[in-house]
């Protein structure tokens, strides 16, 4: 797998993980009891984006590492996936 392909796959995994990590620990302004004037009451009181970006990077690296090991060791081949999915008989 080339470096460019590896980076592209990691980038896609990172974005998918980001959208799963974003809701972690979110408490709305309404839940906290401190709604800023002019904002939506459901908006996060403390988004903590820096911490979430770090979590996203770590989890994405772990998922990519598992993917890479499976790919390099050929535990699951493309033909095996196609057969499992019923696309190849």
Protein backbone atom coordinates (compact mmCIF):
# COMPACT_ATOMS: atom_id res chain seq x y z
CA UNK A 1 0.00 0.00 0.00
CA UNK A 2 1.47 3.33 -1.01
CA UNK A 3 1.93 6.22 1.40
CA UNK A 4 -0.70 8.28 -0.43
CA UNK A 5 -3.26 5.47 -0.22
CA UNK A 6 -2.47 4.97 3.47
CA UNK A 7 -2.94 8.66 4.15
CA UNK A 8 -6.24 8.74 2.24
CA UNK A 9 -7.59 5.73 4.16
CA UNK A 10 -6.46 7.23 7.49
CA UNK A 11 -8.12 10.54 6.55
CA UNK A 12 -11.43 8.79 5.81
CA UNK A 13 -11.24 6.80 9.05
CA UNK A 14 -10.39 9.99 10.96
CA UNK A 15 -13.51 11.79 9.66
CA UNK A 16 -15.76 8.83 10.43
CA UNK A 17 -14.35 8.59 13.95
CA UNK A 18 -14.72 12.35 14.43
CA UNK A 19 -18.47 12.15 13.86
CA UNK A 20 -18.74 9.32 16.38
CA UNK A 21 -16.63 11.16 18.99
CA UNK A 22 -18.33 14.57 18.72
CA UNK A 23 -21.36 13.67 20.89
CA UNK A 24 -19.21 12.23 23.73
CA UNK A 25 -19.88 14.09 26.97
CA UNK A 26 -21.91 16.89 25.41
CA UNK A 27 -24.22 18.74 27.77
CA UNK A 28 -26.47 21.39 26.31
CA UNK A 29 -26.73 24.94 27.60
CA UNK A 30 -30.26 24.12 28.72
CA UNK A 31 -29.06 21.14 30.79
CA UNK A 32 -26.39 23.30 32.44
CA UNK A 33 -28.90 26.10 33.07
CA UNK A 34 -26.81 28.80 31.39
CA UNK A 35 -28.36 29.67 27.99
CA UNK A 36 -26.51 32.48 26.21
CA UNK A 37 -28.81 35.13 24.77
CA UNK A 38 -29.43 34.55 21.07
CA UNK A 39 -28.11 31.00 20.97
CA UNK A 40 -29.93 27.70 20.66
CA UNK A 41 -30.64 26.10 24.06
CA UNK A 42 -29.49 22.76 22.62
CA UNK A 43 -26.04 24.13 21.75
CA UNK A 44 -23.17 22.56 23.71
CA UNK A 45 -22.21 24.45 26.85
CA UNK A 46 -18.58 23.30 26.67
CA UNK A 47 -17.72 21.72 23.30
CA UNK A 48 -14.18 20.60 24.36
CA UNK A 49 -13.11 20.30 20.72
CA UNK A 50 -9.39 20.03 21.44
CA UNK A 51 -9.86 16.97 23.63
CA UNK A 52 -12.22 15.44 21.06
CA UNK A 53 -9.70 15.98 18.26
CA UNK A 54 -7.05 14.18 20.32
CA UNK A 55 -9.43 11.29 21.01
CA UNK A 56 -10.34 11.17 17.32
CA UNK A 57 -6.70 11.02 16.28
CA UNK A 58 -5.92 8.23 18.75
CA UNK A 59 -8.95 6.10 17.96
CA UNK A 60 -8.47 6.59 14.21
CA UNK A 61 -4.82 5.55 14.54
CA UNK A 62 -5.88 2.39 16.38
CA UNK A 63 -8.55 1.55 13.77
CA UNK A 64 -6.08 2.23 10.95
CA UNK A 65 -3.44 0.04 12.63
CA UNK A 66 -5.89 -2.87 12.83
CA UNK A 67 -6.89 -2.30 9.20
CA UNK A 68 -3.24 -2.18 8.12
CA UNK A 69 -2.28 -5.36 9.97
CA UNK A 70 -5.26 -7.20 8.47
CA UNK A 71 -4.37 -5.89 5.01
CA UNK A 72 -0.65 -6.72 5.20
CA UNK A 73 -1.13 -10.17 6.73
CA UNK A 74 -3.89 -10.93 4.21
CA UNK A 75 -6.19 -12.27 6.92
CA UNK A 76 -9.10 -11.03 4.81
CA UNK A 77 -8.64 -10.84 1.06
CA UNK A 78 -10.74 -8.89 -1.42
CA UNK A 79 -11.93 -12.16 -2.96
CA UNK A 80 -12.92 -13.41 0.48
CA UNK A 81 -14.97 -10.27 1.12
CA UNK A 82 -16.67 -10.55 -2.26
CA UNK A 83 -17.51 -14.21 -1.61
CA UNK A 84 -18.80 -13.38 1.86
CA UNK A 85 -20.99 -10.62 0.43
CA UNK A 86 -22.38 -12.95 -2.23
CA UNK A 87 -21.00 -10.93 -5.15
CA UNK A 88 -18.56 -13.63 -6.23
CA UNK A 89 -19.61 -17.23 -6.63
